[in-house]
Amino acid sequence: QVQLVESGGGLVQPGGSLRLSCAASGFTFHMSDMNWYRQAPGKERELVATITNVGDNTNYADSVKGRFTISRDNAKNTVYLQMNSLKPEDTAVYYCRATGLLYWGQGTQVTVSS
């Protein structure tokens, strides 16, 4: 059974940093491209960042480019999202997902506020 468990969210001031983690199981993690999405209140879920299965290529939404970094550790079946220079508009629930699999975790709340 596919499981995705996101963690690392919290309340942070503008300009601060957070590191999100997503522990995956139930599928061949090292063969799967991984993605981070986010959903803000009243908005549709949007793709934030993608990393290939071996981590040799990444892509970012324009809104986070230069501030967020996606990475992975295939030995630990975990994907990360390092978020720096956070802005209030980054406030959302963040989710990870494997490309091609229609499973979502419970998400982790990120709130950027002074």
PDB file of N, CA and C in Angstrom:
ATOM      1  N   GLN A   1       0.845  -1.186   0.000  1.00  0.00           N
ATOM      2  CA  GLN A   1       0.000   0.000   0.000  1.00  0.00           C
ATOM      3  C   GLN A   1       0.882   1.239   0.000  1.00  0.00           C
ATOM      4  N   VAL A   2       0.551   2.158  -0.904  1.00  0.00           N
ATOM      5  CA  VAL A   2       1.336   3.386  -1.014  1.00  0.00           C
ATOM      6  C   VAL A   2       1.076   4.268   0.209  1.00  0.00           C
ATOM      7  N   GLN A   3       2.153   4.736   0.827  1.00  0.00           N
ATOM      8  CA  GLN A   3       2.042   5.687   1.931  1.00  0.00           C
ATOM      9  C   GLN A   3       3.012   6.831   1.710  1.00  0.00           C
ATOM     10  N   LEU A   4       2.516   8.038   1.947  1.00  0.00           N
ATOM     11  CA  LEU A   4       3.317   9.253   1.851  1.00  0.00           C
ATOM     12  C   LEU A   4       3.064  10.046   3.125  1.00  0.00           C
ATOM     13  N   VAL A   5       4.109  10.290   3.887  1.00  0.00           N
ATOM     14  CA  VAL A   5       3.958  10.970   5.176  1.00  0.00           C
ATOM     15  C   VAL A   5       4.818  12.230   5.166  1.00  0.00           C
ATOM     16  N   GLU A   6       4.143  13.363   5.077  1.00  0.00           N
ATOM     17  CA  GLU A   6       4.823  14.649   5.059  1.00  0.00           C
ATOM     18  C   GLU A   6       5.018  15.166   6.485  1.00  0.00           C
ATOM     19  N   SER A   7       6.107  15.874   6.713  1.00  0.00           N
ATOM     20  CA  SER A   7       6.378  16.462   8.020  1.00  0.00           C
ATOM     21  C   SER A   7       7.283  17.674   7.854  1.00  0.00           C
ATOM     22  N   GLY A   8       7.430  18.443   8.935  1.00  0.00           N
ATOM     23  CA  GLY A   8       8.349  19.562   8.924  1.00  0.00           C
ATOM     24  C   GLY A   8       7.710  20.929   8.806  1.00  0.00           C
ATOM     25  N   GLY A   9       6.401  20.972   8.630  1.00  0.00           N
ATOM     26  CA  GLY A   9       5.729  22.256   8.526  1.00  0.00           C
ATOM     27  C   GLY A   9       5.665  22.968   9.870  1.00  0.00           C
ATOM     28  N   GLY A  10       5.154  24.188   9.830  1.00  0.00           N
ATOM     29  CA  GLY A  10       5.021  24.964  11.062  1.00  0.00           C
ATOM     30  C   GLY A  10       4.774  26.419  10.776  1.00  0.00           C
ATOM     31  N   LEU A  11       4.878  27.223  11.826  1.00  0.00           N
ATOM     32  CA  LEU A  11       4.707  28.665  11.732  1.00  0.00           C
ATOM     33  C   LEU A  11       6.085  29.313  11.681  1.00  0.00           C
ATOM     34  N   VAL A  12       6.299  30.154  10.701  1.00  0.00           N
ATOM     35  CA  VAL A  12       7.597  30.814  10.534  1.00  0.00           C
ATOM     36  C   VAL A  12       7.363  32.257  10.116  1.00  0.00           C
ATOM     37  N   GLN A  13       8.280  33.121  10.508  1.00  0.00           N
ATOM     38  CA  GLN A  13       8.166  34.529  10.124  1.00  0.00           C
ATOM     39  C   GLN A  13       8.622  34.728   8.686  1.00  0.00           C
ATOM     40  N   PRO A  14       8.127  35.763   8.037  1.00  0.00           N
ATOM     41  CA  PRO A  14       8.610  36.079   6.680  1.00  0.00           C
ATOM     42  C   PRO A  14      10.129  36.194   6.665  1.00  0.00           C
ATOM     43  N   GLY A  15      10.715  35.602   5.621  1.00  0.00           N
ATOM     44  CA  GLY A  15      12.166  35.569   5.516  1.00  0.00           C
ATOM     45  C   GLY A  15      12.798  34.352   6.142  1.00  0.00           C
ATOM     46  N   GLY A  16      12.012  33.580   6.864  1.00  0.00           N
ATOM     47  CA  GLY A  16      12.528  32.396   7.525  1.00  0.00           C
ATOM     48  C   GLY A  16      12.628  31.190   6.610  1.00  0.00           C
ATOM     49  N   SER A  17      13.019  30.063   7.220  1.00  0.00           N
ATOM     50  CA  SER A  17      13.228  28.831   6.455  1.00  0.00           C
ATOM     51  C   SER A  17      12.555  27.648   7.136  1.00  0.00           C
ATOM     52  N   LEU A  18      12.198  26.685   6.327  1.00  0.00           N
ATOM     53  CA  LEU A  18      11.694  25.397   6.801  1.00  0.00           C
ATOM     54  C   LEU A  18      12.196  24.322   5.869  1.00  0.00           C
ATOM     55  N   ARG A  19      12.327  23.102   6.407  1.00  0.00           N
ATOM     56  CA  ARG A  19      12.661  21.951   5.591  1.00  0.00           C
ATOM     57  C   ARG A  19      11.583  20.904   5.772  1.00  0.00           C
ATOM     58  N   LEU A  20      10.900  20.605   4.670  1.00  0.00           N
ATOM     59  CA  LEU A  20       9.868  19.582   4.681  1.00  0.00           C
ATOM     60  C   LEU A  20      10.452  18.241   4.281  1.00  0.00           C
ATOM     61  N   SER A  21       9.876  17.187   4.841  1.00  0.00           N
ATOM     62  CA  SER A  21      10.267  15.821   4.493  1.00  0.00           C
ATOM     63  C   SER A  21       9.038  15.032   4.092  1.00  0.00           C
ATOM     64  N   CYS A  22       9.234  14.070   3.216  1.00  0.00           N
ATOM     65  CA  CYS A  22       8.158  13.165   2.817  1.00  0.00           C
ATOM     66  C   CYS A  22       8.736  11.761   2.800  1.00  0.00           C
ATOM     67  N   ALA A  23       8.274  10.937   3.726  1.00  0.00           N
ATOM     68  CA  ALA A  23       8.703   9.541   3.792  1.00  0.00           C
ATOM     69  C   ALA A  23       7.739   8.692   2.978  1.00  0.00           C
ATOM     70  N   ALA A  24       8.283   7.944   2.028  1.00  0.00           N
ATOM     71  CA  ALA A  24       7.456   7.181   1.094  1.00  0.00           C
ATOM     72  C   ALA A  24       7.650   5.685   1.286  1.00  0.00           C
ATOM     73  N   SER A  25       6.586   4.918   1.019  1.00  0.00           N
ATOM     74  CA  SER A  25       6.663   3.466   1.058  1.00  0.00           C
ATOM     75  C   SER A  25       5.568   2.888   0.193  1.00  0.00           C
ATOM     76  N   GLY A  26       5.714   1.592  -0.147  1.00  0.00           N
ATOM     77  CA  GLY A  26       4.685   0.902  -0.898  1.00  0.00           C
ATOM     78  C   GLY A  26       4.826   0.965  -2.405  1.00  0.00           C
ATOM     79  N   PHE A  27       5.887   1.573  -2.896  1.00  0.00           N
ATOM     80  CA  PHE A  27       6.156   1.600  -4.335  1.00  0.00           C
ATOM     81  C   PHE A  27       7.665   1.720  -4.530  1.00  0.00           C
ATOM     82  N   THR A  28       8.099   1.584  -5.777  1.00  0.00           N
ATOM     83  CA  THR A  28       9.538   1.618  -6.064  1.00  0.00           C
ATOM     84  C   THR A  28      10.014   3.061  -6.104  1.00  0.00           C
ATOM     85  N   PHE A  29      10.347   3.560  -4.928  1.00  0.00           N
ATOM     86  CA  PHE A  29      10.689   4.977  -4.777  1.00  0.00           C
ATOM     87  C   PHE A  29      11.831   5.376  -5.701  1.00  0.00           C
ATOM     88  N   HIS A  30      12.866   4.565  -5.768  1.00  0.00           N
ATOM     89  CA  HIS A  30      14.060   4.964  -6.527  1.00  0.00           C
ATOM     90  C   HIS A  30      13.828   4.995  -8.030  1.00  0.00           C
ATOM     91  N   MET A  31      12.677   4.490  -8.475  1.00  0.00           N
ATOM     92  CA  MET A  31      12.332   4.540  -9.891  1.00  0.00           C
ATOM     93  C   MET A  31      11.295   5.615 -10.205  1.00  0.00           C
ATOM     94  N   SER A  32      10.899   6.364  -9.189  1.00  0.00           N
ATOM     95  CA  SER A  32       9.805   7.320  -9.348  1.00  0.00           C
ATOM     96  C   SER A  32      10.288   8.761  -9.266  1.00  0.00           C
ATOM     97  N   ASP A  33       9.869   9.566 -10.240  1.00  0.00           N
ATOM     98  CA  ASP A  33      10.012  11.008 -10.084  1.00  0.00           C
ATOM     99  C   ASP A  33       9.083  11.443  -8.946  1.00  0.00           C
ATOM    100  N   MET A  34       9.525  12.443  -8.187  1.00  0.00           N
ATOM    101  CA  MET A  34       8.743  12.893  -7.045  1.00  0.00           C
ATOM    102  C   MET A  34       8.426  14.379  -7.166  1.00  0.00           C
ATOM    103  N   ASN A  35       7.314  14.756  -6.560  1.00  0.00           N
ATOM    104  CA  ASN A  35       6.823  16.124  -6.682  1.00  0.00           C
ATOM    105  C   ASN A  35       6.365  16.666  -5.339  1.00  0.00           C
ATOM    106  N   TRP A  36       6.508  17.959  -5.172  1.00  0.00           N
ATOM    107  CA  TRP A  36       5.866  18.671  -4.062  1.00  0.00           C
ATOM    108  C   TRP A  36       4.782  19.577  -4.647  1.00  0.00           C
ATOM    109  N   TYR A  37       3.627  19.532  -4.015  1.00  0.00           N
ATOM    110  CA  TYR A  37       2.506  20.396  -4.362  1.00  0.00           C
ATOM    111  C   TYR A  37       2.141  21.222  -3.133  1.00  0.00           C
ATOM    112  N   ARG A  38       1.349  22.255  -3.354  1.00  0.00           N
ATOM    113  CA  ARG A  38       0.789  22.991  -2.222  1.00  0.00           C
ATOM    114  C   ARG A  38      -0.614  23.474  -2.569  1.00  0.00           C
ATOM    115  N   GLN A  39      -1.397  23.656  -1.515  1.00  0.00           N
ATOM    116  CA  GLN A  39      -2.754  24.155  -1.691  1.00  0.00           C
ATOM    117  C   GLN A  39      -3.038  25.182  -0.616  1.00  0.00           C
ATOM    118  N   ALA A  40      -3.260  26.403  -1.061  1.00  0.00           N
ATOM    119  CA  ALA A  40      -3.607  27.495  -0.161  1.00  0.00           C
ATOM    120  C   ALA A  40      -5.119  27.552  -0.011  1.00  0.00           C
ATOM    121  N   PRO A  41      -5.608  28.131   1.078  1.00  0.00           N
ATOM    122  CA  PRO A  41      -7.067  28.220   1.295  1.00  0.00           C
ATOM    123  C   PRO A  41      -7.766  28.890   0.119  1.00  0.00           C
ATOM    124  N   GLY A  42      -8.798  28.227  -0.394  1.00  0.00           N
ATOM    125  CA  GLY A  42      -9.576  28.791  -1.473  1.00  0.00           C
ATOM    126  C   GLY A  42      -8.939  28.716  -2.845  1.00  0.00           C
ATOM    127  N   LYS A  43      -7.784  28.036  -2.934  1.00  0.00           N
ATOM    128  CA  LYS A  43      -7.089  27.940  -4.216  1.00  0.00           C
ATOM    129  C   LYS A  43      -6.911  26.486  -4.608  1.00  0.00           C
ATOM    130  N   GLU A  44      -6.635  26.274  -5.894  1.00  0.00           N
ATOM    131  CA  GLU A  44      -6.396  24.924  -6.373  1.00  0.00           C
ATOM    132  C   GLU A  44      -4.987  24.463  -5.966  1.00  0.00           C
ATOM    133  N   ARG A  45      -4.841  23.153  -5.891  1.00  0.00           N
ATOM    134  CA  ARG A  45      -3.527  22.591  -5.593  1.00  0.00           C
ATOM    135  C   ARG A  45      -2.597  22.876  -6.769  1.00  0.00           C
ATOM    136  N   GLU A  46      -1.367  23.304  -6.471  1.00  0.00           N
ATOM    137  CA  GLU A  46      -0.429  23.644  -7.534  1.00  0.00           C
ATOM    138  C   GLU A  46       0.881  22.895  -7.349  1.00  0.00           C
ATOM    139  N   LEU A  47       1.516  22.601  -8.479  1.00  0.00           N
ATOM    140  CA  LEU A  47       2.807  21.931  -8.469  1.00  0.00           C
ATOM    141  C   LEU A  47       3.893  22.943  -8.115  1.00  0.00           C
ATOM    142  N   VAL A  48       4.724  22.583  -7.151  1.00  0.00           N
ATOM    143  CA  VAL A  48       5.768  23.481  -6.675  1.00  0.00           C
ATOM    144  C   VAL A  48       7.143  23.072  -7.201  1.00  0.00           C
ATOM    145  N   ALA A  49       7.446  21.763  -7.112  1.00  0.00           N
ATOM    146  CA  ALA A  49       8.783  21.309  -7.499  1.00  0.00           C
ATOM    147  C   ALA A  49       8.740  19.838  -7.879  1.00  0.00           C
ATOM    148  N   THR A  50       9.636  19.458  -8.782  1.00  0.00           N
ATOM    149  CA  THR A  50       9.751  18.085  -9.262  1.00  0.00           C
ATOM    150  C   THR A  50      11.211  17.682  -9.272  1.00  0.00           C
ATOM    151  N   ILE A  51      11.466  16.406  -8.957  1.00  0.00           N
ATOM    152  CA  ILE A  51      12.819  15.867  -9.037  1.00  0.00           C
ATOM    153  C   ILE A  51      12.755  14.501  -9.710  1.00  0.00           C
ATOM    154  N   THR A  52      13.704  14.228 -10.588  1.00  0.00           N
ATOM    155  CA  THR A  52      13.736  12.945 -11.269  1.00  0.00           C
ATOM    156  C   THR A  52      14.139  11.829 -10.307  1.00  0.00           C
ATOM    157  N   ASN A  53      13.976  10.584 -10.773  1.00  0.00           N
ATOM    158  CA  ASN A  53      14.171   9.447  -9.865  1.00  0.00           C
ATOM    159  C   ASN A  53      15.581   9.361  -9.307  1.00  0.00           C
ATOM    160  N   VAL A  54      16.570   9.781 -10.084  1.00  0.00           N
ATOM    161  CA  VAL A  54      17.939   9.719  -9.570  1.00  0.00           C
ATOM    162  C   VAL A  54      18.433  11.085  -9.100  1.00  0.00           C
ATOM    163  N   GLY A  55      17.566  12.059  -9.152  1.00  0.00           N
ATOM    164  CA  GLY A  55      17.907  13.370  -8.634  1.00  0.00           C
ATOM    165  C   GLY A  55      18.774  14.221  -9.525  1.00  0.00           C
ATOM    166  N   ASP A  56      18.847  13.885 -10.820  1.00  0.00           N
ATOM    167  CA  ASP A  56      19.753  14.617 -11.697  1.00  0.00           C
ATOM    168  C   ASP A  56      19.095  15.795 -12.391  1.00  0.00           C
ATOM    169  N   ASN A  57      17.808  15.968 -12.159  1.00  0.00           N
ATOM    170  CA  ASN A  57      17.118  17.100 -12.767  1.00  0.00           C
ATOM    171  C   ASN A  57      15.977  17.549 -11.862  1.00  0.00           C
ATOM    172  N   THR A  58      15.823  18.852 -11.745  1.00  0.00           N
ATOM    173  CA  THR A  58      14.759  19.424 -10.928  1.00  0.00           C
ATOM    174  C   THR A  58      14.063  20.538 -11.700  1.00  0.00           C
ATOM    175  N   ASN A  59      12.811  20.772 -11.346  1.00  0.00           N
ATOM    176  CA  ASN A  59      12.053  21.872 -11.919  1.00  0.00           C
ATOM    177  C   ASN A  59      11.231  22.532 -10.832  1.00  0.00           C
ATOM    178  N   TYR A  60      11.014  23.841 -10.990  1.00  0.00           N
ATOM    179  CA  TYR A  60      10.314  24.614  -9.974  1.00  0.00           C
ATOM    180  C   TYR A  60       9.274  25.529 -10.601  1.00  0.00           C
ATOM    181  N   ALA A  61       8.229  25.796  -9.830  1.00  0.00           N
ATOM    182  CA  ALA A  61       7.288  26.839 -10.220  1.00  0.00           C
ATOM    183  C   ALA A  61       8.015  28.179 -10.168  1.00  0.00           C
ATOM    184  N   ASP A  62       7.628  29.087 -11.039  1.00  0.00           N
ATOM    185  CA  ASP A  62       8.286  30.394 -11.075  1.00  0.00           C
ATOM    186  C   ASP A  62       8.210  31.107  -9.731  1.00  0.00           C
ATOM    187  N   SER A  63       7.133  30.878  -9.011  1.00  0.00           N
ATOM    188  CA  SER A  63       6.909  31.581  -7.752  1.00  0.00           C
ATOM    189  C   SER A  63       7.894  31.177  -6.650  1.00  0.00           C
ATOM    190  N   VAL A  64       8.557  30.020  -6.807  1.00  0.00           N
ATOM    191  CA  VAL A  64       9.472  29.557  -5.763  1.00  0.00           C
ATOM    192  C   VAL A  64      10.906  29.416  -6.259  1.00  0.00           C
ATOM    193  N   LYS A  65      11.112  29.634  -7.535  1.00  0.00           N
ATOM    194  CA  LYS A  65      12.445  29.447  -8.116  1.00  0.00           C
ATOM    195  C   LYS A  65      13.461  30.357  -7.423  1.00  0.00           C
ATOM    196  N   GLY A  66      14.588  29.766  -7.052  1.00  0.00           N
ATOM    197  CA  GLY A  66      15.629  30.525  -6.366  1.00  0.00           C
ATOM    198  C   GLY A  66      15.478  30.558  -4.859  1.00  0.00           C
ATOM    199  N   ARG A  67      14.329  30.115  -4.353  1.00  0.00           N
ATOM    200  CA  ARG A  67      14.092  30.109  -2.906  1.00  0.00           C
ATOM    201  C   ARG A  67      13.919  28.689  -2.348  1.00  0.00           C
ATOM    202  N   PHE A  68      13.336  27.805  -3.146  1.00  0.00           N
ATOM    203  CA  PHE A  68      13.076  26.434  -2.706  1.00  0.00           C
ATOM    204  C   PHE A  68      14.039  25.479  -3.411  1.00  0.00           C
ATOM    205  N   THR A  69      14.394  24.399  -2.720  1.00  0.00           N
ATOM    206  CA  THR A  69      15.236  23.361  -3.296  1.00  0.00           C
ATOM    207  C   THR A  69      14.659  21.999  -2.962  1.00  0.00           C
ATOM    208  N   ILE A  70      14.395  21.207  -4.001  1.00  0.00           N
ATOM    209  CA  ILE A  70      13.921  19.844  -3.809  1.00  0.00           C
ATOM    210  C   ILE A  70      15.114  18.902  -3.892  1.00  0.00           C
ATOM    211  N   SER A  71      15.113  17.884  -3.038  1.00  0.00           N
ATOM    212  CA  SER A  71      16.182  16.886  -3.039  1.00  0.00           C
ATOM    213  C   SER A  71      15.602  15.556  -2.579  1.00  0.00           C
ATOM    214  N   ARG A  72      16.392  14.509  -2.686  1.00  0.00           N
ATOM    215  CA  ARG A  72      15.909  13.191  -2.283  1.00  0.00           C
ATOM    216  C   ARG A  72      17.050  12.336  -1.790  1.00  0.00           C
ATOM    217  N   ASP A  73      16.677  11.355  -0.972  1.00  0.00           N
ATOM    218  CA  ASP A  73      17.619  10.346  -0.485  1.00  0.00           C
ATOM    219  C   ASP A  73      16.978   8.994  -0.769  1.00  0.00           C
ATOM    220  N   ASN A  74      17.416   8.337  -1.836  1.00  0.00           N
ATOM    221  CA  ASN A  74      16.791   7.076  -2.222  1.00  0.00           C
ATOM    222  C   ASN A  74      17.060   5.953  -1.220  1.00  0.00           C
ATOM    223  N   ALA A  75      18.124   6.071  -0.462  1.00  0.00           N
ATOM    224  CA  ALA A  75      18.408   5.064   0.567  1.00  0.00           C
ATOM    225  C   ALA A  75      17.399   5.132   1.708  1.00  0.00           C
ATOM    226  N   LYS A  76      16.814   6.322   1.886  1.00  0.00           N
ATOM    227  CA  LYS A  76      15.842   6.515   2.966  1.00  0.00           C
ATOM    228  C   LYS A  76      14.418   6.646   2.449  1.00  0.00           C
ATOM    229  N   ASN A  77      14.234   6.510   1.139  1.00  0.00           N
ATOM    230  CA  ASN A  77      12.892   6.656   0.536  1.00  0.00           C
ATOM    231  C   ASN A  77      12.242   7.967   0.971  1.00  0.00           C
ATOM    232  N   THR A  78      13.009   9.029   0.915  1.00  0.00           N
ATOM    233  CA  THR A  78      12.533  10.316   1.409  1.00  0.00           C
ATOM    234  C   THR A  78      12.860  11.421   0.406  1.00  0.00           C
ATOM    235  N   VAL A  79      11.906  12.320   0.233  1.00  0.00           N
ATOM    236  CA  VAL A  79      12.120  13.502  -0.579  1.00  0.00           C
ATOM    237  C   VAL A  79      11.962  14.723   0.327  1.00  0.00           C
ATOM    238  N   TYR A  80      12.747  15.750   0.045  1.00  0.00           N
ATOM    239  CA  TYR A  80      12.797  16.938   0.886  1.00  0.00           C
ATOM    240  C   TYR A  80      12.441  18.190   0.087  1.00  0.00           C
ATOM    241  N   LEU A  81      12.012  19.220   0.811  1.00  0.00           N
ATOM    242  CA  LEU A  81      11.825  20.531   0.209  1.00  0.00           C
ATOM    243  C   LEU A  81      12.394  21.561   1.177  1.00  0.00           C
ATOM    244  N   GLN A  82      13.540  22.127   0.817  1.00  0.00           N
ATOM    245  CA  GLN A  82      14.135  23.195   1.597  1.00  0.00           C
ATOM    246  C   GLN A  82      13.541  24.505   1.125  1.00  0.00           C
ATOM    247  N   MET A  83      12.933  25.233   2.046  1.00  0.00           N
ATOM    248  CA  MET A  83      12.248  26.477   1.702  1.00  0.00           C
ATOM    249  C   MET A  83      12.925  27.627   2.433  1.00  0.00           C
ATOM    250  N   ASN A  84      13.491  28.539   1.676  1.00  0.00           N
ATOM    251  CA  ASN A  84      14.161  29.710   2.238  1.00  0.00           C
ATOM    252  C   ASN A  84      13.446  30.977   1.816  1.00  0.00           C
ATOM    253  N   SER A  85      13.748  32.066   2.492  1.00  0.00           N
ATOM    254  CA  SER A  85      13.160  33.373   2.173  1.00  0.00           C
ATOM    255  C   SER A  85      11.648  33.279   2.036  1.00  0.00           C
ATOM    256  N   LEU A  86      11.032  32.647   2.997  1.00  0.00           N
ATOM    257  CA  LEU A  86       9.589  32.395   2.926  1.00  0.00           C
ATOM    258  C   LEU A  86       8.793  33.693   2.962  1.00  0.00           C
ATOM    259  N   LYS A  87       7.688  33.656   2.222  1.00  0.00           N
ATOM    260  CA  LYS A  87       6.791  34.806   2.102  1.00  0.00           C
ATOM    261  C   LYS A  87       5.396  34.412   2.592  1.00  0.00           C
ATOM    262  N   PRO A  88       4.597  35.379   2.992  1.00  0.00           N
ATOM    263  CA  PRO A  88       3.228  35.043   3.426  1.00  0.00           C
ATOM    264  C   PRO A  88       2.451  34.269   2.357  1.00  0.00           C
ATOM    265  N   GLU A  89       2.709  34.548   1.097  1.00  0.00           N
ATOM    266  CA  GLU A  89       1.996  33.841   0.026  1.00  0.00           C
ATOM    267  C   GLU A  89       2.432  32.385  -0.138  1.00  0.00           C
ATOM    268  N   ASP A  90       3.452  31.960   0.605  1.00  0.00           N
ATOM    269  CA  ASP A  90       3.829  30.546   0.617  1.00  0.00           C
ATOM    270  C   ASP A  90       2.975  29.738   1.591  1.00  0.00           C
ATOM    271  N   THR A  91       2.142  30.416   2.356  1.00  0.00           N
ATOM    272  CA  THR A  91       1.262  29.730   3.305  1.00  0.00           C
ATOM    273  C   THR A  91       0.334  28.768   2.571  1.00  0.00           C
ATOM    274  N   ALA A  92       0.362  27.503   2.971  1.00  0.00           N
ATOM    275  CA  ALA A  92      -0.416  26.466   2.298  1.00  0.00           C
ATOM    276  C   ALA A  92      -0.187  25.138   3.016  1.00  0.00           C
ATOM    277  N   VAL A  93      -0.978  24.155   2.634  1.00  0.00           N
ATOM    278  CA  VAL A  93      -0.685  22.773   3.005  1.00  0.00           C
ATOM    279  C   VAL A  93       0.166  22.185   1.886  1.00  0.00           C
ATOM    280  N   TYR A  94       1.280  21.588   2.266  1.00  0.00           N
ATOM    281  CA  TYR A  94       2.228  21.036   1.300  1.00  0.00           C
ATOM    282  C   TYR A  94       2.116  19.514   1.272  1.00  0.00           C
ATOM    283  N   TYR A  95       2.093  18.979   0.049  1.00  0.00           N
ATOM    284  CA  TYR A  95       1.938  17.547  -0.176  1.00  0.00           C
ATOM    285  C   TYR A  95       3.036  17.042  -1.100  1.00  0.00           C
ATOM    286  N   CYS A  96       3.400  15.783  -0.935  1.00  0.00           N
ATOM    287  CA  CYS A  96       4.276  15.158  -1.921  1.00  0.00           C
ATOM    288  C   CYS A  96       3.478  14.097  -2.685  1.00  0.00           C
ATOM    289  N   ARG A  97       3.952  13.784  -3.875  1.00  0.00           N
ATOM    290  CA  ARG A  97       3.289  12.772  -4.705  1.00  0.00           C
ATOM    291  C   ARG A  97       4.292  12.200  -5.673  1.00  0.00           C
ATOM    292  N   ALA A  98       4.163  10.922  -5.952  1.00  0.00           N
ATOM    293  CA  ALA A  98       4.986  10.284  -6.980  1.00  0.00           C
ATOM    294  C   ALA A  98       4.306  10.464  -8.324  1.00  0.00           C
ATOM    295  N   THR A  99       5.061  10.826  -9.318  1.00  0.00           N
ATOM    296  CA  THR A  99       4.520  10.971 -10.668  1.00  0.00           C
ATOM    297  C   THR A  99       3.879   9.666 -11.116  1.00  0.00           C
ATOM    298  N   GLY A 100       2.641   9.749 -11.582  1.00  0.00           N
ATOM    299  CA  GLY A 100       1.951   8.576 -12.101  1.00  0.00           C
ATOM    300  C   GLY A 100       1.154   7.809 -11.064  1.00  0.00           C
ATOM    301  N   LEU A 101       1.280   8.164  -9.792  1.00  0.00           N
ATOM    302  CA  LEU A 101       0.509   7.496  -8.739  1.00  0.00           C
ATOM    303  C   LEU A 101      -0.504   8.466  -8.150  1.00  0.00           C
ATOM    304  N   LEU A 102      -1.740   8.035  -8.055  1.00  0.00           N
ATOM    305  CA  LEU A 102      -2.803   8.930  -7.577  1.00  0.00           C
ATOM    306  C   LEU A 102      -2.992   8.774  -6.071  1.00  0.00           C
ATOM    307  N   TYR A 103      -1.910   8.929  -5.330  1.00  0.00           N
ATOM    308  CA  TYR A 103      -1.966   8.864  -3.876  1.00  0.00           C
ATOM    309  C   TYR A 103      -1.426  10.165  -3.300  1.00  0.00           C
ATOM    310  N   TRP A 104      -2.079  10.608  -2.238  1.00  0.00           N
ATOM    311  CA  TRP A 104      -1.647  11.804  -1.526  1.00  0.00           C
ATOM    312  C   TRP A 104      -1.476  11.468  -0.054  1.00  0.00           C
ATOM    313  N   GLY A 105      -0.542  12.129   0.581  1.00  0.00           N
ATOM    314  CA  GLY A 105      -0.431  12.038   2.021  1.00  0.00           C
ATOM    315  C   GLY A 105      -1.382  13.008   2.684  1.00  0.00           C
ATOM    316  N   GLN A 106      -1.206  13.173   3.998  1.00  0.00           N
ATOM    317  CA  GLN A 106      -2.095  14.058   4.746  1.00  0.00           C
ATOM    318  C   GLN A 106      -1.668  15.509   4.627  1.00  0.00           C
ATOM    319  N   GLY A 107      -0.462  15.733   4.140  1.00  0.00           N
ATOM    320  CA  GLY A 107       0.050  17.088   3.982  1.00  0.00           C
ATOM    321  C   GLY A 107       0.620  17.637   5.274  1.00  0.00           C
ATOM    322  N   THR A 108       1.364  18.725   5.147  1.00  0.00           N
ATOM    323  CA  THR A 108       1.911  19.414   6.306  1.00  0.00           C
ATOM    324  C   THR A 108       1.679  20.911   6.130  1.00  0.00           C
ATOM    325  N   GLN A 109       1.173  21.550   7.167  1.00  0.00           N
ATOM    326  CA  GLN A 109       0.789  22.959   7.095  1.00  0.00           C
ATOM    327  C   GLN A 109       2.011  23.852   7.258  1.00  0.00           C
ATOM    328  N   VAL A 110       2.149  24.792   6.340  1.00  0.00           N
ATOM    329  CA  VAL A 110       3.175  25.826   6.438  1.00  0.00           C
ATOM    330  C   VAL A 110       2.468  27.170   6.526  1.00  0.00           C
ATOM    331  N   THR A 111       2.761  27.910   7.578  1.00  0.00           N
ATOM    332  CA  THR A 111       2.169  29.228   7.770  1.00  0.00           C
ATOM    333  C   THR A 111       3.288  30.248   7.923  1.00  0.00           C
ATOM    334  N   VAL A 112       3.270  31.246   7.045  1.00  0.00           N
ATOM    335  CA  VAL A 112       4.290  32.299   7.078  1.00  0.00           C
ATOM    336  C   VAL A 112       3.601  33.587   7.511  1.00  0.00           C
ATOM    337  N   SER A 113       3.924  34.018   8.703  1.00  0.00           N
ATOM    338  CA  SER A 113       3.239  35.178   9.260  1.00  0.00           C
ATOM    339  C   SER A 113       4.089  35.798  10.354  1.00  0.00           C
ATOM    340  N   SER A 114       3.972  37.112  10.481  1.00  0.00           N
ATOM    341  CA  SER A 114       4.668  37.804  11.563  1.00  0.00           C
ATOM    342  C   SER A 114       3.749  37.973  12.769  1.00  0.00           C
TER     343      SER A 114
END
